[in-house]
PDB file of N, CA and C in Angstrom:
ATOM      1  N   MET A   1      -8.057   9.877  25.670  1.00  0.00           N
ATOM      2  CA  MET A   1      -7.390   8.591  25.647  1.00  0.00           C
ATOM      3  C   MET A   1      -6.009   8.781  26.254  1.00  0.00           C
ATOM      4  N   THR A   2      -5.648   7.915  27.173  1.00  0.00           N
ATOM      5  CA  THR A   2      -4.328   7.995  27.795  1.00  0.00           C
ATOM      6  C   THR A   2      -3.290   7.350  26.895  1.00  0.00           C
ATOM      7  N   ALA A   3      -2.015   7.644  27.143  1.00  0.00           N
ATOM      8  CA  ALA A   3      -0.927   7.065  26.348  1.00  0.00           C
ATOM      9  C   ALA A   3      -0.917   5.542  26.458  1.00  0.00           C
ATOM     10  N   SER A   4      -1.192   5.020  27.658  1.00  0.00           N
ATOM     11  CA  SER A   4      -1.168   3.561  27.820  1.00  0.00           C
ATOM     12  C   SER A   4      -2.318   2.886  27.076  1.00  0.00           C
ATOM     13  N   SER A   5      -3.507   3.498  27.095  1.00  0.00           N
ATOM     14  CA  SER A   5      -4.615   2.891  26.350  1.00  0.00           C
ATOM     15  C   SER A   5      -4.394   3.029  24.850  1.00  0.00           C
ATOM     16  N   TYR A   6      -3.751   4.132  24.426  1.00  0.00           N
ATOM     17  CA  TYR A   6      -3.411   4.318  23.017  1.00  0.00           C
ATOM     18  C   TYR A   6      -2.476   3.195  22.561  1.00  0.00           C
ATOM     19  N   ALA A   7      -1.446   2.919  23.359  1.00  0.00           N
ATOM     20  CA  ALA A   7      -0.484   1.859  23.026  1.00  0.00           C
ATOM     21  C   ALA A   7      -1.157   0.494  23.043  1.00  0.00           C
ATOM     22  N   LYS A   8      -2.004   0.257  24.025  1.00  0.00           N
ATOM     23  CA  LYS A   8      -2.700  -1.028  24.144  1.00  0.00           C
ATOM     24  C   LYS A   8      -3.572  -1.292  22.924  1.00  0.00           C
ATOM     25  N   ASN A   9      -4.207  -0.249  22.416  1.00  0.00           N
ATOM     26  CA  ASN A   9      -5.095  -0.378  21.252  1.00  0.00           C
ATOM     27  C   ASN A   9      -4.377  -0.130  19.942  1.00  0.00           C
ATOM     28  N   ARG A  10      -3.050  -0.053  19.967  1.00  0.00           N
ATOM     29  CA  ARG A  10      -2.226   0.197  18.775  1.00  0.00           C
ATOM     30  C   ARG A  10      -2.658   1.458  18.026  1.00  0.00           C
ATOM     31  N   GLY A  11      -3.040   2.463  18.768  1.00  0.00           N
ATOM     32  CA  GLY A  11      -3.409   3.735  18.157  1.00  0.00           C
ATOM     33  C   GLY A  11      -4.846   3.814  17.685  1.00  0.00           C
ATOM     34  N   GLU A  12      -5.580   2.717  17.754  1.00  0.00           N
ATOM     35  CA  GLU A  12      -6.980   2.713  17.335  1.00  0.00           C
ATOM     36  C   GLU A  12      -7.867   3.142  18.493  1.00  0.00           C
ATOM     37  N   PRO A  13      -8.959   3.850  18.220  1.00  0.00           N
ATOM     38  CA  PRO A  13      -9.872   4.191  19.303  1.00  0.00           C
ATOM     39  C   PRO A  13     -10.462   2.923  19.917  1.00  0.00           C
ATOM     40  N   ARG A  14     -10.778   2.979  21.189  1.00  0.00           N
ATOM     41  CA  ARG A  14     -11.371   1.841  21.866  1.00  0.00           C
ATOM     42  C   ARG A  14     -12.794   1.623  21.359  1.00  0.00           C
ATOM     43  N   THR A  15     -13.130   0.374  21.097  1.00  0.00           N
ATOM     44  CA  THR A  15     -14.466   0.031  20.628  1.00  0.00           C
ATOM     45  C   THR A  15     -15.335  -0.306  21.831  1.00  0.00           C
ATOM     46  N   PRO A  16     -16.492   0.356  21.994  1.00  0.00           N
ATOM     47  CA  PRO A  16     -17.365   0.040  23.128  1.00  0.00           C
ATOM     48  C   PRO A  16     -17.807  -1.426  23.084  1.00  0.00           C
ATOM     49  N   ALA A  17     -18.071  -2.005  24.248  1.00  0.00           N
ATOM     50  CA  ALA A  17     -18.514  -3.396  24.331  1.00  0.00           C
ATOM     51  C   ALA A  17     -19.748  -3.606  23.471  1.00  0.00           C
ATOM     52  N   GLY A  18     -19.741  -4.653  22.669  1.00  0.00           N
ATOM     53  CA  GLY A  18     -20.880  -4.965  21.804  1.00  0.00           C
ATOM     54  C   GLY A  18     -20.882  -4.244  20.471  1.00  0.00           C
ATOM     55  N   ALA A  19     -20.028  -3.237  20.313  1.00  0.00           N
ATOM     56  CA  ALA A  19     -19.986  -2.489  19.050  1.00  0.00           C
ATOM     57  C   ALA A  19     -19.094  -3.222  18.053  1.00  0.00           C
ATOM     58  N   ARG A  20     -19.407  -3.043  16.794  1.00  0.00           N
ATOM     59  CA  ARG A  20     -18.608  -3.631  15.728  1.00  0.00           C
ATOM     60  C   ARG A  20     -17.503  -2.669  15.341  1.00  0.00           C
ATOM     61  N   HIS A  21     -16.271  -3.103  15.378  1.00  0.00           N
ATOM     62  CA  HIS A  21     -15.151  -2.222  15.035  1.00  0.00           C
ATOM     63  C   HIS A  21     -14.787  -2.400  13.564  1.00  0.00           C
ATOM     64  N   THR A  22     -14.683  -1.302  12.856  1.00  0.00           N
ATOM     65  CA  THR A  22     -14.218  -1.345  11.471  1.00  0.00           C
ATOM     66  C   THR A  22     -13.005  -0.438  11.352  1.00  0.00           C
ATOM     67  N   ARG A  23     -12.096  -0.807  10.527  1.00  0.00           N
ATOM     68  CA  ARG A  23     -10.898   0.002  10.314  1.00  0.00           C
ATOM     69  C   ARG A  23     -11.188   1.096   9.293  1.00  0.00           C
ATOM     70  N   THR A  24     -10.575   2.221   9.526  1.00  0.00           N
ATOM     71  CA  THR A  24     -10.687   3.338   8.608  1.00  0.00           C
ATOM     72  C   THR A  24      -9.512   3.291   7.642  1.00  0.00           C
ATOM     73  N   ALA A  25      -9.806   3.450   6.352  1.00  0.00           N
ATOM     74  CA  ALA A  25      -8.777   3.426   5.312  1.00  0.00           C
ATOM     75  C   ALA A  25      -8.543   4.844   4.802  1.00  0.00           C
ATOM     76  N   ARG A  26      -7.344   5.075   4.289  1.00  0.00           N
ATOM     77  CA  ARG A  26      -6.973   6.366   3.707  1.00  0.00           C
ATOM     78  C   ARG A  26      -6.021   6.140   2.541  1.00  0.00           C
ATOM     79  N   GLU A  27      -5.993   7.095   1.647  1.00  0.00           N
ATOM     80  CA  GLU A  27      -4.975   7.153   0.609  1.00  0.00           C
ATOM     81  C   GLU A  27      -3.936   8.180   1.060  1.00  0.00           C
ATOM     82  N   PRO A  28      -2.737   8.151   0.482  1.00  0.00           N
ATOM     83  CA  PRO A  28      -1.732   9.154   0.863  1.00  0.00           C
ATOM     84  C   PRO A  28      -2.218  10.575   0.546  1.00  0.00           C
ATOM     85  N   TYR A  29      -1.747  11.531   1.350  1.00  0.00           N
ATOM     86  CA  TYR A  29      -2.085  12.937   1.147  1.00  0.00           C
ATOM     87  C   TYR A  29      -1.760  13.348  -0.289  1.00  0.00           C
ATOM     88  N   CYS A  30      -2.644  14.101  -0.894  1.00  0.00           N
ATOM     89  CA  CYS A  30      -2.544  14.607  -2.265  1.00  0.00           C
ATOM     90  C   CYS A  30      -2.877  13.548  -3.312  1.00  0.00           C
ATOM     91  N   ARG A  31      -3.289  12.360  -2.884  1.00  0.00           N
ATOM     92  CA  ARG A  31      -3.665  11.293  -3.819  1.00  0.00           C
ATOM     93  C   ARG A  31      -5.049  10.729  -3.503  1.00  0.00           C
ATOM     94  N   GLU A  32      -5.846  11.469  -2.755  1.00  0.00           N
ATOM     95  CA  GLU A  32      -7.176  10.998  -2.375  1.00  0.00           C
ATOM     96  C   GLU A  32      -8.080  10.942  -3.605  1.00  0.00           C
ATOM     97  N   PRO A  33      -8.982   9.948  -3.664  1.00  0.00           N
ATOM     98  CA  PRO A  33      -9.872   9.857  -4.816  1.00  0.00           C
ATOM     99  C   PRO A  33     -10.934  10.965  -4.818  1.00  0.00           C
ATOM    100  N   TYR A  34     -11.271  11.417  -6.002  1.00  0.00           N
ATOM    101  CA  TYR A  34     -12.368  12.378  -6.162  1.00  0.00           C
ATOM    102  C   TYR A  34     -13.679  11.609  -6.170  1.00  0.00           C
ATOM    103  N   VAL A  35     -14.712  12.216  -5.581  1.00  0.00           N
ATOM    104  CA  VAL A  35     -16.018  11.567  -5.479  1.00  0.00           C
ATOM    105  C   VAL A  35     -17.126  12.582  -5.738  1.00  0.00           C
ATOM    106  N   ARG A  36     -18.283  12.056  -6.085  1.00  0.00           N
ATOM    107  CA  ARG A  36     -19.500  12.862  -6.199  1.00  0.00           C
ATOM    108  C   ARG A  36     -20.466  12.350  -5.141  1.00  0.00           C
ATOM    109  N   VAL A  37     -20.982  13.264  -4.331  1.00  0.00           N
ATOM    110  CA  VAL A  37     -21.835  12.920  -3.197  1.00  0.00           C
ATOM    111  C   VAL A  37     -23.255  13.412  -3.452  1.00  0.00           C
ATOM    112  N   GLN A  38     -24.239  12.560  -3.203  1.00  0.00           N
ATOM    113  CA  GLN A  38     -25.651  12.939  -3.295  1.00  0.00           C
ATOM    114  C   GLN A  38     -26.092  13.481  -1.940  1.00  0.00           C
ATOM    115  N   LEU A  39     -26.436  14.766  -1.868  1.00  0.00           N
ATOM    116  CA  LEU A  39     -26.862  15.385  -0.621  1.00  0.00           C
ATOM    117  C   LEU A  39     -28.136  16.184  -0.820  1.00  0.00           C
ATOM    118  N   ASP A  40     -29.172  15.881  -0.076  1.00  0.00           N
ATOM    119  CA  ASP A  40     -30.419  16.661  -0.074  1.00  0.00           C
ATOM    120  C   ASP A  40     -30.893  17.047  -1.475  1.00  0.00           C
ATOM    121  N   GLY A  41     -30.890  16.104  -2.391  1.00  0.00           N
ATOM    122  CA  GLY A  41     -31.375  16.359  -3.734  1.00  0.00           C
ATOM    123  C   GLY A  41     -30.349  16.988  -4.655  1.00  0.00           C
ATOM    124  N   GLY A  42     -29.198  17.393  -4.153  1.00  0.00           N
ATOM    125  CA  GLY A  42     -28.158  17.984  -4.974  1.00  0.00           C
ATOM    126  C   GLY A  42     -26.912  17.113  -4.965  1.00  0.00           C
ATOM    127  N   THR A  43     -25.894  17.577  -5.656  1.00  0.00           N
ATOM    128  CA  THR A  43     -24.634  16.838  -5.674  1.00  0.00           C
ATOM    129  C   THR A  43     -23.499  17.746  -5.219  1.00  0.00           C
ATOM    130  N   LEU A  44     -22.459  17.118  -4.739  1.00  0.00           N
ATOM    131  CA  LEU A  44     -21.285  17.820  -4.255  1.00  0.00           C
ATOM    132  C   LEU A  44     -20.070  17.051  -4.730  1.00  0.00           C
ATOM    133  N   ASP A  45     -19.128  17.732  -5.371  1.00  0.00           N
ATOM    134  CA  ASP A  45     -17.865  17.107  -5.756  1.00  0.00           C
ATOM    135  C   ASP A  45     -16.870  17.346  -4.633  1.00  0.00           C
ATOM    136  N   ALA A  46     -16.165  16.282  -4.264  1.00  0.00           N
ATOM    137  CA  ALA A  46     -15.278  16.344  -3.105  1.00  0.00           C
ATOM    138  C   ALA A  46     -14.152  15.333  -3.274  1.00  0.00           C
ATOM    139  N   LYS A  47     -13.318  15.224  -2.252  1.00  0.00           N
ATOM    140  CA  LYS A  47     -12.302  14.174  -2.194  1.00  0.00           C
ATOM    141  C   LYS A  47     -12.633  13.282  -1.008  1.00  0.00           C
ATOM    142  N   ALA A  48     -12.471  11.969  -1.183  1.00  0.00           N
ATOM    143  CA  ALA A  48     -12.665  11.017  -0.095  1.00  0.00           C
ATOM    144  C   ALA A  48     -11.356  10.938   0.680  1.00  0.00           C
ATOM    145  N   ILE A  49     -11.348  11.453   1.914  1.00  0.00           N
ATOM    146  CA  ILE A  49     -10.095  11.485   2.664  1.00  0.00           C
ATOM    147  C   ILE A  49      -9.959  10.307   3.626  1.00  0.00           C
ATOM    148  N   SER A  50     -11.053   9.643   3.952  1.00  0.00           N
ATOM    149  CA  SER A  50     -11.003   8.399   4.725  1.00  0.00           C
ATOM    150  C   SER A  50     -12.357   7.717   4.602  1.00  0.00           C
ATOM    151  N   TRP A  51     -12.370   6.415   4.894  1.00  0.00           N
ATOM    152  CA  TRP A  51     -13.618   5.663   4.777  1.00  0.00           C
ATOM    153  C   TRP A  51     -13.524   4.371   5.567  1.00  0.00           C
ATOM    154  N   ASP A  52     -14.707   3.839   5.871  1.00  0.00           N
ATOM    155  CA  ASP A  52     -14.794   2.507   6.459  1.00  0.00           C
ATOM    156  C   ASP A  52     -15.863   1.750   5.672  1.00  0.00           C
ATOM    157  N   GLN A  53     -16.390   0.677   6.221  1.00  0.00           N
ATOM    158  CA  GLN A  53     -17.336  -0.150   5.458  1.00  0.00           C
ATOM    159  C   GLN A  53     -18.672   0.535   5.195  1.00  0.00           C
ATOM    160  N   THR A  54     -19.040   1.522   5.992  1.00  0.00           N
ATOM    161  CA  THR A  54     -20.375   2.111   5.863  1.00  0.00           C
ATOM    162  C   THR A  54     -20.399   3.596   5.547  1.00  0.00           C
ATOM    163  N   SER A  55     -19.285   4.295   5.744  1.00  0.00           N
ATOM    164  CA  SER A  55     -19.310   5.744   5.552  1.00  0.00           C
ATOM    165  C   SER A  55     -17.991   6.254   4.976  1.00  0.00           C
ATOM    166  N   VAL A  56     -18.060   7.483   4.444  1.00  0.00           N
ATOM    167  CA  VAL A  56     -16.909   8.116   3.802  1.00  0.00           C
ATOM    168  C   VAL A  56     -16.765   9.526   4.366  1.00  0.00           C
ATOM    169  N   GLN A  57     -15.541   9.901   4.738  1.00  0.00           N
ATOM    170  CA  GLN A  57     -15.282  11.275   5.134  1.00  0.00           C
ATOM    171  C   GLN A  57     -14.845  12.026   3.887  1.00  0.00           C
ATOM    172  N   VAL A  58     -15.604  13.059   3.528  1.00  0.00           N
ATOM    173  CA  VAL A  58     -15.304  13.826   2.322  1.00  0.00           C
ATOM    174  C   VAL A  58     -14.815  15.223   2.690  1.00  0.00           C
ATOM    175  N   LYS A  59     -13.994  15.793   1.789  1.00  0.00           N
ATOM    176  CA  LYS A  59     -13.444  17.146   1.966  1.00  0.00           C
ATOM    177  C   LYS A  59     -13.751  17.930   0.699  1.00  0.00           C
ATOM    178  N   TRP A  60     -14.188  19.174   0.877  1.00  0.00           N
ATOM    179  CA  TRP A  60     -14.460  20.031  -0.266  1.00  0.00           C
ATOM    180  C   TRP A  60     -14.248  21.484   0.146  1.00  0.00           C
ATOM    181  N   ILE A  61     -14.266  22.370  -0.836  1.00  0.00           N
ATOM    182  CA  ILE A  61     -14.153  23.802  -0.598  1.00  0.00           C
ATOM    183  C   ILE A  61     -15.523  24.421  -0.855  1.00  0.00           C
ATOM    184  N   ASP A  62     -16.056  25.159   0.134  1.00  0.00           N
ATOM    185  CA  ASP A  62     -17.385  25.746  -0.018  1.00  0.00           C
ATOM    186  C   ASP A  62     -17.330  27.033  -0.849  1.00  0.00           C
ATOM    187  N   ALA A  63     -18.489  27.653  -1.068  1.00  0.00           N
ATOM    188  CA  ALA A  63     -18.592  28.849  -1.916  1.00  0.00           C
ATOM    189  C   ALA A  63     -17.785  30.026  -1.371  1.00  0.00           C
ATOM    190  N   GLN A  64     -17.533  30.055  -0.066  1.00  0.00           N
ATOM    191  CA  GLN A  64     -16.759  31.138   0.534  1.00  0.00           C
ATOM    192  C   GLN A  64     -15.253  30.835   0.549  1.00  0.00           C
ATOM    193  N   GLY A  65     -14.859  29.671   0.004  1.00  0.00           N
ATOM    194  CA  GLY A  65     -13.456  29.311  -0.063  1.00  0.00           C
ATOM    195  C   GLY A  65     -12.926  28.596   1.168  1.00  0.00           C
ATOM    196  N   SER A  66     -13.819  28.184   2.069  1.00  0.00           N
ATOM    197  CA  SER A  66     -13.401  27.471   3.278  1.00  0.00           C
ATOM    198  C   SER A  66     -13.407  25.971   3.049  1.00  0.00           C
ATOM    199  N   SER A  67     -12.454  25.289   3.635  1.00  0.00           N
ATOM    200  CA  SER A  67     -12.386  23.837   3.543  1.00  0.00           C
ATOM    201  C   SER A  67     -13.403  23.224   4.505  1.00  0.00           C
ATOM    202  N   ARG A  68     -14.142  22.252   4.049  1.00  0.00           N
ATOM    203  CA  ARG A  68     -15.168  21.578   4.857  1.00  0.00           C
ATOM    204  C   ARG A  68     -14.953  20.078   4.795  1.00  0.00           C
ATOM    205  N   THR A  69     -15.349  19.377   5.848  1.00  0.00           N
ATOM    206  CA  THR A  69     -15.341  17.917   5.863  1.00  0.00           C
ATOM    207  C   THR A  69     -16.628  17.419   6.495  1.00  0.00           C
ATOM    208  N   ALA A  70     -17.035  16.212   6.109  1.00  0.00           N
ATOM    209  CA  ALA A  70     -18.221  15.581   6.687  1.00  0.00           C
ATOM    210  C   ALA A  70     -18.160  14.087   6.433  1.00  0.00           C
ATOM    211  N   TRP A  71     -18.738  13.318   7.357  1.00  0.00           N
ATOM    212  CA  TRP A  71     -18.914  11.884   7.151  1.00  0.00           C
ATOM    213  C   TRP A  71     -20.279  11.679   6.525  1.00  0.00           C
ATOM    214  N   VAL A  72     -20.335  10.920   5.432  1.00  0.00           N
ATOM    215  CA  VAL A  72     -21.597  10.645   4.739  1.00  0.00           C
ATOM    216  C   VAL A  72     -21.723   9.140   4.520  1.00  0.00           C
ATOM    217  N   PRO A  73     -22.956   8.637   4.371  1.00  0.00           N
ATOM    218  CA  PRO A  73     -23.132   7.208   4.090  1.00  0.00           C
ATOM    219  C   PRO A  73     -22.463   6.824   2.775  1.00  0.00           C
ATOM    220  N   ALA A  74     -21.794   5.694   2.758  1.00  0.00           N
ATOM    221  CA  ALA A  74     -21.067   5.243   1.565  1.00  0.00           C
ATOM    222  C   ALA A  74     -21.985   5.091   0.355  1.00  0.00           C
ATOM    223  N   ALA A  75     -23.243   4.750   0.575  1.00  0.00           N
ATOM    224  CA  ALA A  75     -24.190   4.573  -0.529  1.00  0.00           C
ATOM    225  C   ALA A  75     -24.449   5.874  -1.289  1.00  0.00           C
ATOM    226  N   LYS A  76     -24.134   7.010  -0.698  1.00  0.00           N
ATOM    227  CA  LYS A  76     -24.368   8.309  -1.350  1.00  0.00           C
ATOM    228  C   LYS A  76     -23.134   8.838  -2.075  1.00  0.00           C
ATOM    229  N   VAL A  77     -22.071   8.027  -2.129  1.00  0.00           N
ATOM    230  CA  VAL A  77     -20.797   8.465  -2.697  1.00  0.00           C
ATOM    231  C   VAL A  77     -20.443   7.624  -3.917  1.00  0.00           C
ATOM    232  N   ARG A  78     -20.011   8.309  -4.984  1.00  0.00           N
ATOM    233  CA  ARG A  78     -19.578   7.624  -6.207  1.00  0.00           C
ATOM    234  C   ARG A  78     -18.236   8.205  -6.627  1.00  0.00           C
ATOM    235  N   ARG A  79     -17.295   7.335  -6.922  1.00  0.00           N
ATOM    236  CA  ARG A  79     -15.967   7.794  -7.344  1.00  0.00           C
ATOM    237  C   ARG A  79     -16.039   8.384  -8.747  1.00  0.00           C
ATOM    238  N   ILE A  80     -15.317   9.486  -8.975  1.00  0.00           N
ATOM    239  CA  ILE A  80     -15.245  10.124 -10.285  1.00  0.00           C
ATOM    240  C   ILE A  80     -13.774  10.414 -10.596  1.00  0.00           C
ATOM    241  N   HIS A  81     -13.488  10.689 -11.851  1.00  0.00           N
ATOM    242  CA  HIS A  81     -12.139  11.071 -12.259  1.00  0.00           C
ATOM    243  C   HIS A  81     -11.915  12.537 -11.886  1.00  0.00           C
ATOM    244  N   ARG A  82     -10.685  12.901 -11.659  1.00  0.00           N
ATOM    245  CA  ARG A  82     -10.341  14.279 -11.302  1.00  0.00           C
ATOM    246  C   ARG A  82     -10.897  15.280 -12.319  1.00  0.00           C
ATOM    247  N   ASP A  83     -10.862  14.942 -13.607  1.00  0.00           N
ATOM    248  CA  ASP A  83     -11.345  15.847 -14.652  1.00  0.00           C
ATOM    249  C   ASP A  83     -12.850  16.071 -14.592  1.00  0.00           C
ATOM    250  N   GLU A  84     -13.600  15.167 -13.961  1.00  0.00           N
ATOM    251  CA  GLU A  84     -15.045  15.316 -13.835  1.00  0.00           C
ATOM    252  C   GLU A  84     -15.449  16.225 -12.675  1.00  0.00           C
ATOM    253  N   SER A  85     -14.539  16.465 -11.758  1.00  0.00           N
ATOM    254  CA  SER A  85     -14.852  17.232 -10.560  1.00  0.00           C
ATOM    255  C   SER A  85     -15.026  18.716 -10.872  1.00  0.00           C
ATOM    256  N   SER A  86     -15.953  19.362 -10.164  1.00  0.00           N
ATOM    257  CA  SER A  86     -16.171  20.799 -10.359  1.00  0.00           C
ATOM    258  C   SER A  86     -15.083  21.641  -9.682  1.00  0.00           C
ATOM    259  N   TRP A  87     -14.256  21.023  -8.847  1.00  0.00           N
ATOM    260  CA  TRP A  87     -13.095  21.698  -8.257  1.00  0.00           C
ATOM    261  C   TRP A  87     -11.931  20.723  -8.204  1.00  0.00           C
ATOM    262  N   ARG A  88     -10.725  21.263  -8.176  1.00  0.00           N
ATOM    263  CA  ARG A  88      -9.524  20.428  -8.102  1.00  0.00           C
ATOM    264  C   ARG A  88      -8.626  20.955  -7.002  1.00  0.00           C
ATOM    265  N   ASP A  89      -8.139  20.045  -6.194  1.00  0.00           N
ATOM    266  CA  ASP A  89      -7.241  20.394  -5.095  1.00  0.00           C
ATOM    267  C   ASP A  89      -5.924  20.880  -5.687  1.00  0.00           C
ATOM    268  N   PRO A  90      -5.493  22.102  -5.368  1.00  0.00           N
ATOM    269  CA  PRO A  90      -4.253  22.628  -5.945  1.00  0.00           C
ATOM    270  C   PRO A  90      -3.001  21.891  -5.463  1.00  0.00           C
ATOM    271  N   TYR A  91      -3.129  21.089  -4.405  1.00  0.00           N
ATOM    272  CA  TYR A  91      -1.985  20.360  -3.865  1.00  0.00           C
ATOM    273  C   TYR A  91      -1.906  18.923  -4.360  1.00  0.00           C
ATOM    274  N   ASP A  92      -2.736  18.553  -5.320  1.00  0.00           N
ATOM    275  CA  ASP A  92      -2.716  17.191  -5.863  1.00  0.00           C
ATOM    276  C   ASP A  92      -1.345  16.810  -6.401  1.00  0.00           C
ATOM    277  N   ASP A  93      -1.050  15.525  -6.307  1.00  0.00           N
ATOM    278  CA  ASP A  93       0.139  14.946  -6.934  1.00  0.00           C
ATOM    279  C   ASP A  93      -0.228  14.715  -8.403  1.00  0.00           C
ATOM    280  N   TYR A  94       0.104  15.676  -9.258  1.00  0.00           N
ATOM    281  CA  TYR A  94      -0.321  15.658 -10.660  1.00  0.00           C
ATOM    282  C   TYR A  94       0.107  14.368 -11.369  1.00  0.00           C
ATOM    283  N   ALA A  95       1.320  13.898 -11.114  1.00  0.00           N
ATOM    284  CA  ALA A  95       1.816  12.678 -11.768  1.00  0.00           C
ATOM    285  C   ALA A  95       1.001  11.451 -11.369  1.00  0.00           C
ATOM    286  N   PHE A  96       0.428  11.443 -10.174  1.00  0.00           N
ATOM    287  CA  PHE A  96      -0.398  10.321  -9.739  1.00  0.00           C
ATOM    288  C   PHE A  96      -1.702  10.254 -10.536  1.00  0.00           C
ATOM    289  N   TYR A  97      -2.342  11.395 -10.746  1.00  0.00           N
ATOM    290  CA  TYR A  97      -3.626  11.423 -11.461  1.00  0.00           C
ATOM    291  C   TYR A  97      -3.457  11.294 -12.980  1.00  0.00           C
ATOM    292  N   TYR A  98      -2.302  11.673 -13.502  1.00  0.00           N
ATOM    293  CA  TYR A  98      -2.043  11.633 -14.931  1.00  0.00           C
ATOM    294  C   TYR A  98      -0.691  10.956 -15.187  1.00  0.00           C
ATOM    295  N   PRO A  99      -0.596   9.651 -14.987  1.00  0.00           N
ATOM    296  CA  PRO A  99       0.702   8.971 -15.086  1.00  0.00           C
ATOM    297  C   PRO A  99       1.305   8.957 -16.491  1.00  0.00           C
ATOM    298  N   ASP A 100       0.489   9.097 -17.522  1.00  0.00           N
ATOM    299  CA  ASP A 100       0.994   9.013 -18.900  1.00  0.00           C
ATOM    300  C   ASP A 100       1.365  10.369 -19.477  1.00  0.00           C
ATOM    301  N   ARG A 101       1.249  11.410 -18.711  1.00  0.00           N
ATOM    302  CA  ARG A 101       1.555  12.759 -19.242  1.00  0.00           C
ATOM    303  C   ARG A 101       2.915  13.209 -18.844  1.00  0.00           C
TER     304      ARG A 101
END
């Protein structure tokens, strides 16, 4: 994408002719919601780092300790509380998740 097309589209990617454009939403860094994802018969606890009307980009740490991301259908994602997650992001804004503590 050129600088002029970036400015023309206000930073949004260009939508191909006939395609439906949806905006991607995000929460501030360290305040992303925790989610449980249904994948291939199993579940995965992750954080939703961005989403649109049909899909969610999730982030998690794999068994080897590497950070992973993937876009999954929104129907396979359910929001959970941080305490329900099998892992917790060490960079979380603790006061955001526990405002009364």
